[in-house]
Amino acid sequence: MDWMKIISAIMIVAMIVYIFPRAKAMMQNSPKAEKGDWNAAALPLVGVVAFVILLIMMARSL
């Protein structure tokens, strides 16, 4: 089983080495946030939180 751990560690390091330059380029070339972007992201998050609270309240009443 030690050889599986060694291979897994090698694969994880290889994946990090492969992904890091691409992630760095994506971060440098990504569009900057504008004024209405946070509102567009916050609205669905608030909806999900409200839905989870609703589900919790419904489960407690059972």
N, C-alpha and C. Protein backbone atom coordinates (compact mmCIF):
# COMPACT_ATOMS: atom_id res chain seq x y z
N MET A 1 0.80 -1.21 0.00
CA MET A 1 0.00 0.00 0.00
C MET A 1 0.85 1.27 0.00
N ASP A 2 2.11 1.16 0.37
CA ASP A 2 2.97 2.33 0.37
C ASP A 2 3.19 2.86 -1.04
N TRP A 3 3.24 1.96 -2.02
CA TRP A 3 3.45 2.41 -3.39
C TRP A 3 2.27 3.23 -3.89
N MET A 4 1.05 2.93 -3.41
CA MET A 4 -0.13 3.72 -3.80
C MET A 4 -0.05 5.13 -3.23
N LYS A 5 0.45 5.25 -2.02
CA LYS A 5 0.60 6.57 -1.42
C LYS A 5 1.65 7.38 -2.16
N ILE A 6 2.73 6.73 -2.56
CA ILE A 6 3.79 7.41 -3.29
C ILE A 6 3.29 7.88 -4.65
N ILE A 7 2.58 7.01 -5.35
CA ILE A 7 2.03 7.39 -6.66
C ILE A 7 1.01 8.51 -6.52
N SER A 8 0.18 8.44 -5.49
CA SER A 8 -0.80 9.50 -5.26
C SER A 8 -0.11 10.84 -5.00
N ALA A 9 0.93 10.82 -4.20
CA ALA A 9 1.66 12.06 -3.92
C ALA A 9 2.30 12.61 -5.18
N ILE A 10 2.87 11.75 -6.01
CA ILE A 10 3.47 12.19 -7.27
C ILE A 10 2.42 12.80 -8.19
N MET A 11 1.25 12.18 -8.25
CA MET A 11 0.17 12.69 -9.10
C MET A 11 -0.33 14.05 -8.59
N ILE A 12 -0.43 14.22 -7.30
CA ILE A 12 -0.88 15.50 -6.74
C ILE A 12 0.12 16.60 -7.06
N VAL A 13 1.40 16.31 -6.90
CA VAL A 13 2.44 17.30 -7.22
C VAL A 13 2.42 17.63 -8.71
N ALA A 14 2.25 16.61 -9.56
CA ALA A 14 2.20 16.85 -11.00
C ALA A 14 0.99 17.71 -11.37
N MET A 15 -0.13 17.45 -10.72
CA MET A 15 -1.33 18.23 -11.01
C MET A 15 -1.13 19.69 -10.59
N ILE A 16 -0.52 19.92 -9.43
CA ILE A 16 -0.26 21.29 -8.98
C ILE A 16 0.69 22.00 -9.94
N VAL A 17 1.74 21.29 -10.37
CA VAL A 17 2.71 21.88 -11.31
C VAL A 17 2.03 22.22 -12.63
N TYR A 18 1.10 21.40 -13.07
CA TYR A 18 0.40 21.63 -14.35
C TYR A 18 -0.62 22.75 -14.23
N ILE A 19 -1.33 22.82 -13.11
CA ILE A 19 -2.43 23.77 -12.97
C ILE A 19 -1.95 25.16 -12.58
N PHE A 20 -0.89 25.27 -11.79
CA PHE A 20 -0.46 26.57 -11.26
C PHE A 20 -0.22 27.64 -12.33
N PRO A 21 0.52 27.36 -13.40
CA PRO A 21 0.72 28.42 -14.42
C PRO A 21 -0.58 28.85 -15.09
N ARG A 22 -1.46 27.89 -15.31
CA ARG A 22 -2.74 28.24 -15.93
C ARG A 22 -3.58 29.11 -15.00
N ALA A 23 -3.61 28.76 -13.73
CA ALA A 23 -4.38 29.54 -12.75
C ALA A 23 -3.81 30.95 -12.62
N LYS A 24 -2.50 31.07 -12.64
CA LYS A 24 -1.86 32.38 -12.55
C LYS A 24 -2.23 33.25 -13.75
N ALA A 25 -2.22 32.67 -14.93
CA ALA A 25 -2.59 33.41 -16.14
C ALA A 25 -4.06 33.82 -16.10
N MET A 26 -4.91 32.92 -15.60
CA MET A 26 -6.34 33.26 -15.51
C MET A 26 -6.57 34.42 -14.54
N MET A 27 -5.85 34.42 -13.44
CA MET A 27 -6.01 35.50 -12.46
C MET A 27 -5.54 36.84 -13.03
N GLN A 28 -4.49 36.83 -13.82
CA GLN A 28 -3.98 38.07 -14.39
C GLN A 28 -4.87 38.60 -15.51
N ASN A 29 -5.51 37.70 -16.26
CA ASN A 29 -6.31 38.11 -17.42
C ASN A 29 -7.80 38.14 -17.15
N SER A 30 -8.23 37.97 -15.91
CA SER A 30 -9.65 37.96 -15.61
C SER A 30 -10.21 39.38 -15.61
N PRO A 31 -11.49 39.53 -15.94
CA PRO A 31 -12.08 40.87 -15.91
C PRO A 31 -12.22 41.37 -14.48
N LYS A 32 -12.11 42.67 -14.32
CA LYS A 32 -12.23 43.28 -13.00
C LYS A 32 -13.71 43.44 -12.64
N ALA A 33 -14.00 43.38 -11.36
CA ALA A 33 -15.38 43.50 -10.88
C ALA A 33 -15.87 44.93 -11.09
N GLU A 34 -17.12 45.05 -11.50
CA GLU A 34 -17.72 46.36 -11.70
C GLU A 34 -18.75 46.62 -10.61
N LYS A 35 -19.45 47.73 -10.70
CA LYS A 35 -20.33 48.18 -9.63
C LYS A 35 -21.47 47.20 -9.33
N GLY A 36 -22.15 46.65 -10.31
CA GLY A 36 -23.31 45.80 -10.07
C GLY A 36 -23.00 44.33 -9.90
N ASP A 37 -21.75 43.95 -9.98
CA ASP A 37 -21.39 42.53 -9.92
C ASP A 37 -21.67 41.92 -8.55
N TRP A 38 -21.39 42.66 -7.48
CA TRP A 38 -21.61 42.10 -6.14
C TRP A 38 -23.08 41.90 -5.86
N ASN A 39 -23.93 42.78 -6.34
CA ASN A 39 -25.37 42.60 -6.16
C ASN A 39 -25.86 41.37 -6.90
N ALA A 40 -25.33 41.14 -8.08
CA ALA A 40 -25.73 39.97 -8.86
C ALA A 40 -25.27 38.68 -8.19
N ALA A 41 -24.16 38.70 -7.46
CA ALA A 41 -23.68 37.51 -6.77
C ALA A 41 -24.38 37.33 -5.43
N ALA A 42 -24.72 38.42 -4.76
CA ALA A 42 -25.32 38.34 -3.42
C ALA A 42 -26.76 37.87 -3.47
N LEU A 43 -27.49 38.23 -4.49
CA LEU A 43 -28.91 37.86 -4.57
C LEU A 43 -29.14 36.35 -4.57
N PRO A 44 -28.47 35.57 -5.40
CA PRO A 44 -28.65 34.11 -5.32
C PRO A 44 -28.19 33.52 -3.99
N LEU A 45 -27.11 34.07 -3.42
CA LEU A 45 -26.63 33.58 -2.13
C LEU A 45 -27.66 33.80 -1.03
N VAL A 46 -28.28 34.96 -1.02
CA VAL A 46 -29.33 35.25 -0.03
C VAL A 46 -30.51 34.30 -0.24
N GLY A 47 -30.85 34.02 -1.49
CA GLY A 47 -31.93 33.09 -1.78
C GLY A 47 -31.63 31.68 -1.27
N VAL A 48 -30.41 31.22 -1.45
CA VAL A 48 -30.03 29.89 -0.99
C VAL A 48 -30.06 29.83 0.54
N VAL A 49 -29.55 30.86 1.20
CA VAL A 49 -29.57 30.89 2.66
C VAL A 49 -31.00 30.89 3.18
N ALA A 50 -31.86 31.67 2.57
CA ALA A 50 -33.26 31.71 2.98
C ALA A 50 -33.92 30.34 2.77
N PHE A 51 -33.62 29.67 1.68
CA PHE A 51 -34.19 28.35 1.42
C PHE A 51 -33.72 27.33 2.44
N VAL A 52 -32.44 27.37 2.80
CA VAL A 52 -31.91 26.44 3.80
C VAL A 52 -32.56 26.70 5.16
N ILE A 53 -32.73 27.97 5.52
CA ILE A 53 -33.40 28.29 6.79
C ILE A 53 -34.84 27.78 6.76
N LEU A 54 -35.52 27.92 5.65
CA LEU A 54 -36.88 27.40 5.51
C LEU A 54 -36.90 25.89 5.70
N LEU A 55 -35.96 25.18 5.08
CA LEU A 55 -35.91 23.73 5.23
C LEU A 55 -35.64 23.32 6.68
N ILE A 56 -34.76 24.03 7.35
CA ILE A 56 -34.46 23.74 8.76
C ILE A 56 -35.70 23.95 9.61
N MET A 57 -36.41 25.04 9.38
CA MET A 57 -37.62 25.31 10.17
C MET A 57 -38.69 24.25 9.91
N MET A 58 -38.81 23.79 8.67
CA MET A 58 -39.79 22.76 8.35
C MET A 58 -39.41 21.43 8.98
N ALA A 59 -38.12 21.12 9.05
CA ALA A 59 -37.68 19.87 9.63
C ALA A 59 -37.88 19.87 11.14
N ARG A 60 -37.73 21.01 11.78
CA ARG A 60 -37.94 21.10 13.23
C ARG A 60 -39.40 20.92 13.62
N SER A 61 -40.29 21.30 12.74
CA SER A 61 -41.71 21.21 13.08
C SER A 61 -42.25 19.79 12.96
N LEU A 62 -41.49 18.89 12.39
CA LEU A 62 -41.95 17.50 12.24
C LEU A 62 -41.89 16.75 13.50
